[in-house]
């Protein structure tokens, strides 16, 4: 069985363009990355042409034509744990006739899709 880093995952758009998992209840208040901001799941700096934190602001200004796509990709990546949970729930309730169970599944799927699209 494969395991992934538990969510929630967050896009650090206002700091270093990484996607991180910060779950004190899972990891405690550990300092795995050296900055107490959570475990890095993905580093999107290269997708805007940046190789270090010091050039991030310049890269964002120069490559601003790709920012919307990078942000949309970040939203999709951060939604991955929620999308997986929704898909597992949908599979479990597929074929169910229990209206309450179907309603919960529908809401879970709708919320996961909204998050993936950045509408949440």
PDB file of N, CA and C in Angstrom:
ATOM      1  N   UNK A   1       0.844  -1.186   0.000  1.00  0.00           N
ATOM      2  CA  UNK A   1       0.000   0.000   0.000  1.00  0.00           C
ATOM      3  C   UNK A   1       0.886   1.245   0.000  1.00  0.00           C
ATOM      4  N   UNK A   2       0.506   2.219  -0.803  1.00  0.00           N
ATOM      5  CA  UNK A   2       1.240   3.486  -0.844  1.00  0.00           C
ATOM      6  C   UNK A   2       0.676   4.467   0.169  1.00  0.00           C
ATOM      7  N   UNK A   3       1.548   5.238   0.753  1.00  0.00           N
ATOM      8  CA  UNK A   3       1.128   6.251   1.715  1.00  0.00           C
ATOM      9  C   UNK A   3       1.594   7.615   1.221  1.00  0.00           C
ATOM     10  N   UNK A   4       0.797   8.610   1.452  1.00  0.00           N
ATOM     11  CA  UNK A   4       1.191   9.976   1.102  1.00  0.00           C
ATOM     12  C   UNK A   4       1.168  10.824   2.368  1.00  0.00           C
ATOM     13  N   UNK A   5       1.761  11.987   2.273  1.00  0.00           N
ATOM     14  CA  UNK A   5       1.757  12.913   3.402  1.00  0.00           C
ATOM     15  C   UNK A   5       0.327  13.382   3.628  1.00  0.00           C
ATOM     16  N   UNK A   6      -0.199  13.223   4.833  1.00  0.00           N
ATOM     17  CA  UNK A   6      -1.579  13.636   5.096  1.00  0.00           C
ATOM     18  C   UNK A   6      -1.788  15.134   4.877  1.00  0.00           C
ATOM     19  N   UNK A   7      -2.992  15.496   4.463  1.00  0.00           N
ATOM     20  CA  UNK A   7      -3.353  16.900   4.304  1.00  0.00           C
ATOM     21  C   UNK A   7      -3.781  17.474   5.632  1.00  0.00           C
ATOM     22  N   UNK A   8      -4.161  18.701   5.676  1.00  0.00           N
ATOM     23  CA  UNK A   8      -4.289  19.577   4.515  1.00  0.00           C
ATOM     24  C   UNK A   8      -2.930  20.079   4.024  1.00  0.00           C
ATOM     25  N   UNK A   9      -2.886  20.371   2.731  1.00  0.00           N
ATOM     26  CA  UNK A   9      -1.704  20.960   2.121  1.00  0.00           C
ATOM     27  C   UNK A   9      -2.022  22.409   1.793  1.00  0.00           C
ATOM     28  N   UNK A  10      -1.023  23.259   1.867  1.00  0.00           N
ATOM     29  CA  UNK A  10      -1.239  24.695   1.651  1.00  0.00           C
ATOM     30  C   UNK A  10      -0.177  25.258   0.702  1.00  0.00           C
ATOM     31  N   UNK A  11      -0.615  26.101  -0.228  1.00  0.00           N
ATOM     32  CA  UNK A  11       0.286  26.789  -1.149  1.00  0.00           C
ATOM     33  C   UNK A  11       0.795  28.046  -0.454  1.00  0.00           C
ATOM     34  N   UNK A  12       2.101  28.145  -0.316  1.00  0.00           N
ATOM     35  CA  UNK A  12       2.730  29.277   0.369  1.00  0.00           C
ATOM     36  C   UNK A  12       3.024  30.390  -0.655  1.00  0.00           C
ATOM     37  N   UNK A  13       1.966  30.909  -1.240  1.00  0.00           N
ATOM     38  CA  UNK A  13       2.083  31.908  -2.304  1.00  0.00           C
ATOM     39  C   UNK A  13       2.758  33.187  -1.826  1.00  0.00           C
ATOM     40  N   UNK A  14       2.507  33.577  -0.595  1.00  0.00           N
ATOM     41  CA  UNK A  14       3.049  34.846  -0.095  1.00  0.00           C
ATOM     42  C   UNK A  14       4.431  34.732   0.528  1.00  0.00           C
ATOM     43  N   UNK A  15       5.035  33.542   0.446  1.00  0.00           N
ATOM     44  CA  UNK A  15       6.378  33.432   1.019  1.00  0.00           C
ATOM     45  C   UNK A  15       7.361  32.818   0.030  1.00  0.00           C
ATOM     46  N   UNK A  16       7.345  31.494  -0.130  1.00  0.00           N
ATOM     47  CA  UNK A  16       8.410  30.880  -0.924  1.00  0.00           C
ATOM     48  C   UNK A  16       7.935  29.995  -2.075  1.00  0.00           C
ATOM     49  N   UNK A  17       6.658  30.075  -2.431  1.00  0.00           N
ATOM     50  CA  UNK A  17       6.101  29.311  -3.554  1.00  0.00           C
ATOM     51  C   UNK A  17       6.296  27.802  -3.402  1.00  0.00           C
ATOM     52  N   UNK A  18       6.151  27.321  -2.181  1.00  0.00           N
ATOM     53  CA  UNK A  18       6.156  25.888  -1.944  1.00  0.00           C
ATOM     54  C   UNK A  18       4.753  25.458  -1.544  1.00  0.00           C
ATOM     55  N   UNK A  19       4.512  24.169  -1.641  1.00  0.00           N
ATOM     56  CA  UNK A  19       3.283  23.575  -1.120  1.00  0.00           C
ATOM     57  C   UNK A  19       3.718  22.758   0.079  1.00  0.00           C
ATOM     58  N   UNK A  20       3.061  22.993   1.207  1.00  0.00           N
ATOM     59  CA  UNK A  20       3.493  22.366   2.454  1.00  0.00           C
ATOM     60  C   UNK A  20       2.337  21.703   3.192  1.00  0.00           C
ATOM     61  N   UNK A  21       2.713  20.698   3.962  1.00  0.00           N
ATOM     62  CA  UNK A  21       1.771  20.048   4.873  1.00  0.00           C
ATOM     63  C   UNK A  21       2.169  20.466   6.272  1.00  0.00           C
ATOM     64  N   UNK A  22       1.254  21.073   6.959  1.00  0.00           N
ATOM     65  CA  UNK A  22       1.533  21.460   8.343  1.00  0.00           C
ATOM     66  C   UNK A  22       0.433  20.887   9.207  1.00  0.00           C
ATOM     67  N   UNK A  23       0.741  19.796   9.861  1.00  0.00           N
ATOM     68  CA  UNK A  23      -0.218  19.109  10.716  1.00  0.00           C
ATOM     69  C   UNK A  23       0.436  18.829  12.062  1.00  0.00           C
ATOM     70  N   UNK A  24       0.378  19.799  12.987  1.00  0.00           N
ATOM     71  CA  UNK A  24       1.015  19.592  14.292  1.00  0.00           C
ATOM     72  C   UNK A  24       0.534  18.336  14.993  1.00  0.00           C
ATOM     73  N   UNK A  25      -0.733  17.952  14.797  1.00  0.00           N
ATOM     74  CA  UNK A  25      -1.246  16.757  15.456  1.00  0.00           C
ATOM     75  C   UNK A  25      -0.610  15.477  14.891  1.00  0.00           C
ATOM     76  N   UNK A  26      -0.075  15.542  13.669  1.00  0.00           N
ATOM     77  CA  UNK A  26       0.588  14.385  13.072  1.00  0.00           C
ATOM     78  C   UNK A  26       2.095  14.441  13.305  1.00  0.00           C
ATOM     79  N   UNK A  27       2.689  15.595  13.024  1.00  0.00           N
ATOM     80  CA  UNK A  27       4.148  15.730  13.108  1.00  0.00           C
ATOM     81  C   UNK A  27       4.631  16.371  14.396  1.00  0.00           C
ATOM     82  N   UNK A  28       3.720  16.853  15.220  1.00  0.00           N
ATOM     83  CA  UNK A  28       4.133  17.655  16.366  1.00  0.00           C
ATOM     84  C   UNK A  28       4.580  19.017  15.836  1.00  0.00           C
ATOM     85  N   UNK A  29       5.303  19.752  16.596  1.00  0.00           N
ATOM     86  CA  UNK A  29       5.794  21.058  16.130  1.00  0.00           C
ATOM     87  C   UNK A  29       7.235  20.898  15.665  1.00  0.00           C
ATOM     88  N   UNK A  30       7.434  19.924  14.768  1.00  0.00           N
ATOM     89  CA  UNK A  30       8.791  19.629  14.316  1.00  0.00           C
ATOM     90  C   UNK A  30       9.297  20.700  13.355  1.00  0.00           C
ATOM     91  N   UNK A  31      10.588  20.716  13.205  1.00  0.00           N
ATOM     92  CA  UNK A  31      11.247  21.698  12.356  1.00  0.00           C
ATOM     93  C   UNK A  31      11.987  20.980  11.227  1.00  0.00           C
ATOM     94  N   UNK A  32      11.288  20.077  10.537  1.00  0.00           N
ATOM     95  CA  UNK A  32      11.913  19.269   9.500  1.00  0.00           C
ATOM     96  C   UNK A  32      12.547  20.102   8.385  1.00  0.00           C
ATOM     97  N   UNK A  33      11.929  21.196   8.009  1.00  0.00           N
ATOM     98  CA  UNK A  33      12.415  22.008   6.898  1.00  0.00           C
ATOM     99  C   UNK A  33      13.253  23.199   7.362  1.00  0.00           C
ATOM    100  N   UNK A  34      13.401  23.353   8.672  1.00  0.00           N
ATOM    101  CA  UNK A  34      14.234  24.433   9.190  1.00  0.00           C
ATOM    102  C   UNK A  34      13.535  25.765   9.359  1.00  0.00           C
ATOM    103  N   UNK A  35      12.226  25.811   9.171  1.00  0.00           N
ATOM    104  CA  UNK A  35      11.544  27.106   9.282  1.00  0.00           C
ATOM    105  C   UNK A  35      10.189  27.025  10.004  1.00  0.00           C
ATOM    106  N   UNK A  36       9.844  25.875  10.554  1.00  0.00           N
ATOM    107  CA  UNK A  36       8.581  25.685  11.286  1.00  0.00           C
ATOM    108  C   UNK A  36       7.340  26.023  10.461  1.00  0.00           C
ATOM    109  N   UNK A  37       7.403  25.892   9.128  1.00  0.00           N
ATOM    110  CA  UNK A  37       6.226  26.175   8.306  1.00  0.00           C
ATOM    111  C   UNK A  37       5.652  24.924   7.668  1.00  0.00           C
ATOM    112  N   UNK A  38       6.113  23.767   8.066  1.00  0.00           N
ATOM    113  CA  UNK A  38       5.563  22.519   7.556  1.00  0.00           C
ATOM    114  C   UNK A  38       6.472  21.807   6.574  1.00  0.00           C
ATOM    115  N   UNK A  39       6.113  20.568   6.286  1.00  0.00           N
ATOM    116  CA  UNK A  39       6.881  19.724   5.376  1.00  0.00           C
ATOM    117  C   UNK A  39       6.617  20.129   3.925  1.00  0.00           C
ATOM    118  N   UNK A  40       7.666  20.280   3.133  1.00  0.00           N
ATOM    119  CA  UNK A  40       7.505  20.670   1.734  1.00  0.00           C
ATOM    120  C   UNK A  40       7.026  19.470   0.923  1.00  0.00           C
ATOM    121  N   UNK A  41       5.918  19.645   0.233  1.00  0.00           N
ATOM    122  CA  UNK A  41       5.353  18.644  -0.657  1.00  0.00           C
ATOM    123  C   UNK A  41       5.856  18.904  -2.076  1.00  0.00           C
ATOM    124  N   UNK A  42       5.860  20.178  -2.482  1.00  0.00           N
ATOM    125  CA  UNK A  42       6.307  20.564  -3.824  1.00  0.00           C
ATOM    126  C   UNK A  42       6.905  21.962  -3.762  1.00  0.00           C
ATOM    127  N   UNK A  43       7.873  22.198  -4.621  1.00  0.00           N
ATOM    128  CA  UNK A  43       8.525  23.506  -4.716  1.00  0.00           C
ATOM    129  C   UNK A  43       8.242  24.056  -6.109  1.00  0.00           C
ATOM    130  N   UNK A  44       7.460  25.121  -6.186  1.00  0.00           N
ATOM    131  CA  UNK A  44       7.040  25.673  -7.477  1.00  0.00           C
ATOM    132  C   UNK A  44       7.907  26.839  -7.943  1.00  0.00           C
ATOM    133  N   UNK A  45       8.997  27.113  -7.255  1.00  0.00           N
ATOM    134  CA  UNK A  45       9.844  28.241  -7.650  1.00  0.00           C
ATOM    135  C   UNK A  45      10.391  28.081  -9.058  1.00  0.00           C
ATOM    136  N   UNK A  46      10.805  26.884  -9.414  1.00  0.00           N
ATOM    137  CA  UNK A  46      11.360  26.678 -10.762  1.00  0.00           C
ATOM    138  C   UNK A  46      10.314  26.888 -11.847  1.00  0.00           C
ATOM    139  N   UNK A  47       9.061  26.683 -11.529  1.00  0.00           N
ATOM    140  CA  UNK A  47       8.019  26.863 -12.544  1.00  0.00           C
ATOM    141  C   UNK A  47       7.798  28.336 -12.882  1.00  0.00           C
ATOM    142  N   UNK A  48       8.352  29.237 -12.081  1.00  0.00           N
ATOM    143  CA  UNK A  48       8.320  30.664 -12.429  1.00  0.00           C
ATOM    144  C   UNK A  48       9.728  31.166 -12.742  1.00  0.00           C
ATOM    145  N   UNK A  49      10.654  30.227 -12.970  1.00  0.00           N
ATOM    146  CA  UNK A  49      12.004  30.592 -13.382  1.00  0.00           C
ATOM    147  C   UNK A  49      12.927  31.014 -12.261  1.00  0.00           C
ATOM    148  N   UNK A  50      12.678  30.553 -11.066  1.00  0.00           N
ATOM    149  CA  UNK A  50      13.463  30.967  -9.907  1.00  0.00           C
ATOM    150  C   UNK A  50      14.267  29.791  -9.375  1.00  0.00           C
ATOM    151  N   UNK A  51      15.501  30.060  -8.993  1.00  0.00           N
ATOM    152  CA  UNK A  51      16.333  28.996  -8.443  1.00  0.00           C
ATOM    153  C   UNK A  51      16.621  29.167  -6.957  1.00  0.00           C
ATOM    154  N   UNK A  52      16.305  30.332  -6.398  1.00  0.00           N
ATOM    155  CA  UNK A  52      16.531  30.541  -4.966  1.00  0.00           C
ATOM    156  C   UNK A  52      15.516  31.549  -4.439  1.00  0.00           C
ATOM    157  N   UNK A  53      15.365  31.584  -3.119  1.00  0.00           N
ATOM    158  CA  UNK A  53      14.425  32.542  -2.530  1.00  0.00           C
ATOM    159  C   UNK A  53      14.797  33.978  -2.857  1.00  0.00           C
ATOM    160  N   UNK A  54      16.079  34.258  -3.015  1.00  0.00           N
ATOM    161  CA  UNK A  54      16.491  35.644  -3.239  1.00  0.00           C
ATOM    162  C   UNK A  54      16.007  36.186  -4.582  1.00  0.00           C
ATOM    163  N   UNK A  55      15.867  35.318  -5.615  1.00  0.00           N
ATOM    164  CA  UNK A  55      15.368  35.843  -6.892  1.00  0.00           C
ATOM    165  C   UNK A  55      13.873  35.653  -7.080  1.00  0.00           C
ATOM    166  N   UNK A  56      13.156  35.167  -6.089  1.00  0.00           N
ATOM    167  CA  UNK A  56      11.734  34.877  -6.273  1.00  0.00           C
ATOM    168  C   UNK A  56      10.947  36.102  -6.710  1.00  0.00           C
ATOM    169  N   UNK A  57      11.118  37.234  -6.039  1.00  0.00           N
ATOM    170  CA  UNK A  57      10.347  38.428  -6.395  1.00  0.00           C
ATOM    171  C   UNK A  57      10.630  38.859  -7.829  1.00  0.00           C
ATOM    172  N   UNK A  58      11.896  38.848  -8.228  1.00  0.00           N
ATOM    173  CA  UNK A  58      12.265  39.212  -9.599  1.00  0.00           C
ATOM    174  C   UNK A  58      11.650  38.235 -10.598  1.00  0.00           C
ATOM    175  N   UNK A  59      11.730  36.944 -10.304  1.00  0.00           N
ATOM    176  CA  UNK A  59      11.161  35.932 -11.199  1.00  0.00           C
ATOM    177  C   UNK A  59       9.654  36.123 -11.353  1.00  0.00           C
ATOM    178  N   UNK A  60       8.969  36.454 -10.254  1.00  0.00           N
ATOM    179  CA  UNK A  60       7.520  36.664 -10.317  1.00  0.00           C
ATOM    180  C   UNK A  60       7.173  37.876 -11.175  1.00  0.00           C
ATOM    181  N   UNK A  61       8.018  38.884 -11.153  1.00  0.00           N
ATOM    182  CA  UNK A  61       7.777  40.072 -11.977  1.00  0.00           C
ATOM    183  C   UNK A  61       8.060  39.790 -13.449  1.00  0.00           C
ATOM    184  N   UNK A  62       9.160  39.106 -13.727  1.00  0.00           N
ATOM    185  CA  UNK A  62       9.572  38.839 -15.106  1.00  0.00           C
ATOM    186  C   UNK A  62       8.668  37.805 -15.777  1.00  0.00           C
ATOM    187  N   UNK A  63       8.280  36.798 -15.035  1.00  0.00           N
ATOM    188  CA  UNK A  63       7.495  35.698 -15.624  1.00  0.00           C
ATOM    189  C   UNK A  63       6.035  35.768 -15.202  1.00  0.00           C
ATOM    190  N   UNK A  64       5.510  36.965 -15.023  1.00  0.00           N
ATOM    191  CA  UNK A  64       4.137  37.087 -14.538  1.00  0.00           C
ATOM    192  C   UNK A  64       3.111  36.513 -15.515  1.00  0.00           C
ATOM    193  N   UNK A  65       3.502  36.287 -16.774  1.00  0.00           N
ATOM    194  CA  UNK A  65       2.583  35.702 -17.746  1.00  0.00           C
ATOM    195  C   UNK A  65       2.199  34.257 -17.387  1.00  0.00           C
ATOM    196  N   UNK A  66       2.992  33.590 -16.576  1.00  0.00           N
ATOM    197  CA  UNK A  66       2.685  32.193 -16.238  1.00  0.00           C
ATOM    198  C   UNK A  66       2.104  32.039 -14.828  1.00  0.00           C
ATOM    199  N   UNK A  67       1.937  33.136 -14.107  1.00  0.00           N
ATOM    200  CA  UNK A  67       1.512  33.034 -12.707  1.00  0.00           C
ATOM    201  C   UNK A  67       0.150  32.380 -12.530  1.00  0.00           C
ATOM    202  N   UNK A  68      -0.807  32.723 -13.388  1.00  0.00           N
ATOM    203  CA  UNK A  68      -2.152  32.151 -13.227  1.00  0.00           C
ATOM    204  C   UNK A  68      -2.123  30.640 -13.385  1.00  0.00           C
ATOM    205  N   UNK A  69      -1.337  30.152 -14.343  1.00  0.00           N
ATOM    206  CA  UNK A  69      -1.237  28.705 -14.536  1.00  0.00           C
ATOM    207  C   UNK A  69      -0.544  28.040 -13.352  1.00  0.00           C
ATOM    208  N   UNK A  70       0.514  28.664 -12.848  1.00  0.00           N
ATOM    209  CA  UNK A  70       1.227  28.109 -11.693  1.00  0.00           C
ATOM    210  C   UNK A  70       0.301  28.069 -10.475  1.00  0.00           C
ATOM    211  N   UNK A  71      -0.462  29.128 -10.269  1.00  0.00           N
ATOM    212  CA  UNK A  71      -1.403  29.157  -9.139  1.00  0.00           C
ATOM    213  C   UNK A  71      -2.488  28.095  -9.291  1.00  0.00           C
ATOM    214  N   UNK A  72      -2.986  27.913 -10.526  1.00  0.00           N
ATOM    215  CA  UNK A  72      -4.009  26.885 -10.764  1.00  0.00           C
ATOM    216  C   UNK A  72      -3.436  25.497 -10.500  1.00  0.00           C
ATOM    217  N   UNK A  73      -2.193  25.270 -10.914  1.00  0.00           N
ATOM    218  CA  UNK A  73      -1.542  23.985 -10.634  1.00  0.00           C
ATOM    219  C   UNK A  73      -1.386  23.784  -9.132  1.00  0.00           C
ATOM    220  N   UNK A  74      -1.025  24.838  -8.418  1.00  0.00           N
ATOM    221  CA  UNK A  74      -0.871  24.758  -6.964  1.00  0.00           C
ATOM    222  C   UNK A  74      -2.202  24.407  -6.301  1.00  0.00           C
ATOM    223  N   UNK A  75      -3.288  25.004  -6.781  1.00  0.00           N
ATOM    224  CA  UNK A  75      -4.609  24.701  -6.215  1.00  0.00           C
ATOM    225  C   UNK A  75      -4.958  23.228  -6.416  1.00  0.00           C
ATOM    226  N   UNK A  76      -4.649  22.715  -7.597  1.00  0.00           N
ATOM    227  CA  UNK A  76      -4.941  21.312  -7.877  1.00  0.00           C
ATOM    228  C   UNK A  76      -4.102  20.385  -6.995  1.00  0.00           C
ATOM    229  N   UNK A  77      -2.828  20.706  -6.846  1.00  0.00           N
ATOM    230  CA  UNK A  77      -1.949  19.886  -6.001  1.00  0.00           C
ATOM    231  C   UNK A  77      -2.416  19.912  -4.549  1.00  0.00           C
ATOM    232  N   UNK A  78      -2.748  21.099  -4.029  1.00  0.00           N
ATOM    233  CA  UNK A  78      -3.164  21.175  -2.621  1.00  0.00           C
ATOM    234  C   UNK A  78      -4.493  20.468  -2.373  1.00  0.00           C
ATOM    235  N   UNK A  79      -5.292  20.310  -3.416  1.00  0.00           N
ATOM    236  CA  UNK A  79      -6.586  19.627  -3.269  1.00  0.00           C
ATOM    237  C   UNK A  79      -6.442  18.110  -3.321  1.00  0.00           C
ATOM    238  N   UNK A  80      -5.270  17.596  -3.675  1.00  0.00           N
ATOM    239  CA  UNK A  80      -5.084  16.153  -3.876  1.00  0.00           C
ATOM    240  C   UNK A  80      -5.562  15.292  -2.695  1.00  0.00           C
ATOM    241  N   UNK A  81      -5.186  15.592  -1.445  1.00  0.00           N
ATOM    242  CA  UNK A  81      -5.676  14.736  -0.349  1.00  0.00           C
ATOM    243  C   UNK A  81      -7.201  14.735  -0.236  1.00  0.00           C
ATOM    244  N   UNK A  82      -7.810  15.897  -0.440  1.00  0.00           N
ATOM    245  CA  UNK A  82      -9.266  16.007  -0.349  1.00  0.00           C
ATOM    246  C   UNK A  82      -9.934  15.289  -1.531  1.00  0.00           C
ATOM    247  N   UNK A  83      -9.347  15.397  -2.721  1.00  0.00           N
ATOM    248  CA  UNK A  83      -9.891  14.709  -3.889  1.00  0.00           C
ATOM    249  C   UNK A  83      -9.813  13.192  -3.713  1.00  0.00           C
ATOM    250  N   UNK A  84      -8.703  12.717  -3.163  1.00  0.00           N
ATOM    251  CA  UNK A  84      -8.556  11.282  -2.914  1.00  0.00           C
ATOM    252  C   UNK A  84      -9.620  10.801  -1.932  1.00  0.00           C
ATOM    253  N   UNK A  85      -9.805  11.545  -0.861  1.00  0.00           N
ATOM    254  CA  UNK A  85     -10.811  11.174   0.138  1.00  0.00           C
ATOM    255  C   UNK A  85     -12.208  11.146  -0.492  1.00  0.00           C
ATOM    256  N   UNK A  86     -12.518  12.143  -1.324  1.00  0.00           N
ATOM    257  CA  UNK A  86     -13.829  12.210  -1.971  1.00  0.00           C
ATOM    258  C   UNK A  86     -14.023  11.045  -2.934  1.00  0.00           C
ATOM    259  N   UNK A  87     -12.978  10.699  -3.687  1.00  0.00           N
ATOM    260  CA  UNK A  87     -13.072   9.588  -4.626  1.00  0.00           C
ATOM    261  C   UNK A  87     -13.272   8.266  -3.888  1.00  0.00           C
ATOM    262  N   UNK A  88     -12.559   8.086  -2.777  1.00  0.00           N
ATOM    263  CA  UNK A  88     -12.721   6.867  -1.983  1.00  0.00           C
ATOM    264  C   UNK A  88     -14.135   6.767  -1.421  1.00  0.00           C
ATOM    265  N   UNK A  89     -14.666   7.886  -0.958  1.00  0.00           N
ATOM    266  CA  UNK A  89     -16.027   7.908  -0.425  1.00  0.00           C
ATOM    267  C   UNK A  89     -17.043   7.611  -1.533  1.00  0.00           C
ATOM    268  N   UNK A  90     -16.821   8.182  -2.713  1.00  0.00           N
ATOM    269  CA  UNK A  90     -17.728   7.955  -3.838  1.00  0.00           C
ATOM    270  C   UNK A  90     -17.745   6.479  -4.227  1.00  0.00           C
ATOM    271  N   UNK A  91     -16.559   5.870  -4.277  1.00  0.00           N
ATOM    272  CA  UNK A  91     -16.492   4.445  -4.604  1.00  0.00           C
ATOM    273  C   UNK A  91     -17.235   3.605  -3.583  1.00  0.00           C
ATOM    274  N   UNK A  92     -17.077   3.979  -2.327  1.00  0.00           N
ATOM    275  CA  UNK A  92     -17.713   3.232  -1.235  1.00  0.00           C
ATOM    276  C   UNK A  92     -19.240   3.322  -1.327  1.00  0.00           C
ATOM    277  N   UNK A  93     -19.766   4.471  -1.708  1.00  0.00           N
ATOM    278  CA  UNK A  93     -21.219   4.665  -1.710  1.00  0.00           C
ATOM    279  C   UNK A  93     -21.855   4.450  -3.082  1.00  0.00           C
ATOM    280  N   UNK A  94     -21.038   4.144  -4.085  1.00  0.00           N
ATOM    281  CA  UNK A  94     -21.570   3.893  -5.426  1.00  0.00           C
ATOM    282  C   UNK A  94     -22.627   2.789  -5.363  1.00  0.00           C
ATOM    283  N   UNK A  95     -23.782   3.060  -5.858  1.00  0.00           N
ATOM    284  CA  UNK A  95     -24.845   2.061  -5.847  1.00  0.00           C
ATOM    285  C   UNK A  95     -25.691   2.072  -4.587  1.00  0.00           C
ATOM    286  N   UNK A  96     -25.371   2.944  -3.647  1.00  0.00           N
ATOM    287  CA  UNK A  96     -26.144   3.011  -2.407  1.00  0.00           C
ATOM    288  C   UNK A  96     -27.502   3.654  -2.677  1.00  0.00           C
ATOM    289  N   UNK A  97     -28.481   3.268  -1.898  1.00  0.00           N
ATOM    290  CA  UNK A  97     -29.791   3.903  -2.010  1.00  0.00           C
ATOM    291  C   UNK A  97     -30.096   4.756  -0.776  1.00  0.00           C
ATOM    292  N   UNK A  98     -29.128   4.858   0.128  1.00  0.00           N
ATOM    293  CA  UNK A  98     -29.293   5.661   1.342  1.00  0.00           C
ATOM    294  C   UNK A  98     -29.125   7.142   0.974  1.00  0.00           C
ATOM    295  N   UNK A  99     -30.217   7.884   1.040  1.00  0.00           N
ATOM    296  CA  UNK A  99     -30.211   9.289   0.625  1.00  0.00           C
ATOM    297  C   UNK A  99     -29.226  10.143   1.423  1.00  0.00           C
ATOM    298  N   UNK A 100     -29.129   9.912   2.718  1.00  0.00           N
ATOM    299  CA  UNK A 100     -28.211  10.692   3.551  1.00  0.00           C
ATOM    300  C   UNK A 100     -26.759  10.423   3.142  1.00  0.00           C
ATOM    301  N   UNK A 101     -26.432   9.166   2.933  1.00  0.00           N
ATOM    302  CA  UNK A 101     -25.078   8.783   2.527  1.00  0.00           C
ATOM    303  C   UNK A 101     -24.738   9.396   1.161  1.00  0.00           C
ATOM    304  N   UNK A 102     -25.686   9.362   0.245  1.00  0.00           N
ATOM    305  CA  UNK A 102     -25.477   9.939  -1.092  1.00  0.00           C
ATOM    306  C   UNK A 102     -25.309  11.459  -1.018  1.00  0.00           C
ATOM    307  N   UNK A 103     -26.056  12.102  -0.139  1.00  0.00           N
ATOM    308  CA  UNK A 103     -25.956  13.549   0.027  1.00  0.00           C
ATOM    309  C   UNK A 103     -24.584  13.948   0.571  1.00  0.00           C
ATOM    310  N   UNK A 104     -24.092  13.201   1.548  1.00  0.00           N
ATOM    311  CA  UNK A 104     -22.766  13.472   2.120  1.00  0.00           C
ATOM    312  C   UNK A 104     -21.689  13.290   1.049  1.00  0.00           C
ATOM    313  N   UNK A 105     -21.814  12.234   0.262  1.00  0.00           N
ATOM    314  CA  UNK A 105     -20.848  11.975  -0.807  1.00  0.00           C
ATOM    315  C   UNK A 105     -20.871  13.096  -1.832  1.00  0.00           C
ATOM    316  N   UNK A 106     -22.057  13.528  -2.224  1.00  0.00           N
ATOM    317  CA  UNK A 106     -22.190  14.617  -3.200  1.00  0.00           C
ATOM    318  C   UNK A 106     -21.536  15.889  -2.680  1.00  0.00           C
ATOM    319  N   UNK A 107     -21.793  16.257  -1.432  1.00  0.00           N
ATOM    320  CA  UNK A 107     -21.211  17.458  -0.834  1.00  0.00           C
ATOM    321  C   UNK A 107     -19.695  17.348  -0.748  1.00  0.00           C
ATOM    322  N   UNK A 108     -19.200  16.179  -0.357  1.00  0.00           N
ATOM    323  CA  UNK A 108     -17.757  15.959  -0.270  1.00  0.00           C
ATOM    324  C   UNK A 108     -17.105  16.125  -1.639  1.00  0.00           C
ATOM    325  N   UNK A 109     -17.709  15.534  -2.662  1.00  0.00           N
ATOM    326  CA  UNK A 109     -17.179  15.664  -4.024  1.00  0.00           C
ATOM    327  C   UNK A 109     -17.222  17.108  -4.506  1.00  0.00           C
ATOM    328  N   UNK A 110     -18.331  17.788  -4.281  1.00  0.00           N
ATOM    329  CA  UNK A 110     -18.459  19.190  -4.711  1.00  0.00           C
ATOM    330  C   UNK A 110     -17.403  20.063  -4.039  1.00  0.00           C
ATOM    331  N   UNK A 111     -17.180  19.871  -2.736  1.00  0.00           N
ATOM    332  CA  UNK A 111     -16.180  20.663  -2.017  1.00  0.00           C
ATOM    333  C   UNK A 111     -14.771  20.388  -2.522  1.00  0.00           C
ATOM    334  N   UNK A 112     -14.462  19.125  -2.797  1.00  0.00           N
ATOM    335  CA  UNK A 112     -13.127  18.774  -3.306  1.00  0.00           C
ATOM    336  C   UNK A 112     -12.891  19.390  -4.684  1.00  0.00           C
ATOM    337  N   UNK A 113     -13.903  19.363  -5.525  1.00  0.00           N
ATOM    338  CA  UNK A 113     -13.784  19.943  -6.871  1.00  0.00           C
ATOM    339  C   UNK A 113     -13.621  21.458  -6.773  1.00  0.00           C
ATOM    340  N   UNK A 114     -14.378  22.103  -5.891  1.00  0.00           N
ATOM    341  CA  UNK A 114     -14.238  23.547  -5.693  1.00  0.00           C
ATOM    342  C   UNK A 114     -12.825  23.904  -5.247  1.00  0.00           C
ATOM    343  N   UNK A 115     -12.276  23.120  -4.330  1.00  0.00           N
ATOM    344  CA  UNK A 115     -10.918  23.387  -3.852  1.00  0.00           C
ATOM    345  C   UNK A 115      -9.916  23.235  -4.993  1.00  0.00           C
ATOM    346  N   UNK A 116     -10.069  22.184  -5.781  1.00  0.00           N
ATOM    347  CA  UNK A 116      -9.152  21.949  -6.903  1.00  0.00           C
ATOM    348  C   UNK A 116      -9.192  23.085  -7.924  1.00  0.00           C
ATOM    349  N   UNK A 117     -10.376  23.712  -8.054  1.00  0.00           N
ATOM    350  CA  UNK A 117     -10.534  24.813  -9.006  1.00  0.00           C
ATOM    351  C   UNK A 117     -10.225  26.176  -8.381  1.00  0.00           C
ATOM    352  N   UNK A 118      -9.911  26.187  -7.090  1.00  0.00           N
ATOM    353  CA  UNK A 118      -9.620  27.447  -6.420  1.00  0.00           C
ATOM    354  C   UNK A 118     -10.841  28.263  -6.089  1.00  0.00           C
ATOM    355  N   UNK A 119     -11.976  27.618  -6.007  1.00  0.00           N
ATOM    356  CA  UNK A 119     -13.239  28.309  -5.722  1.00  0.00           C
ATOM    357  C   UNK A 119     -13.610  28.244  -4.244  1.00  0.00           C
ATOM    358  N   UNK A 120     -12.751  27.664  -3.432  1.00  0.00           N
ATOM    359  CA  UNK A 120     -13.049  27.520  -2.004  1.00  0.00           C
ATOM    360  C   UNK A 120     -12.231  28.509  -1.208  1.00  0.00           C
TER     361      UNK A 120
END
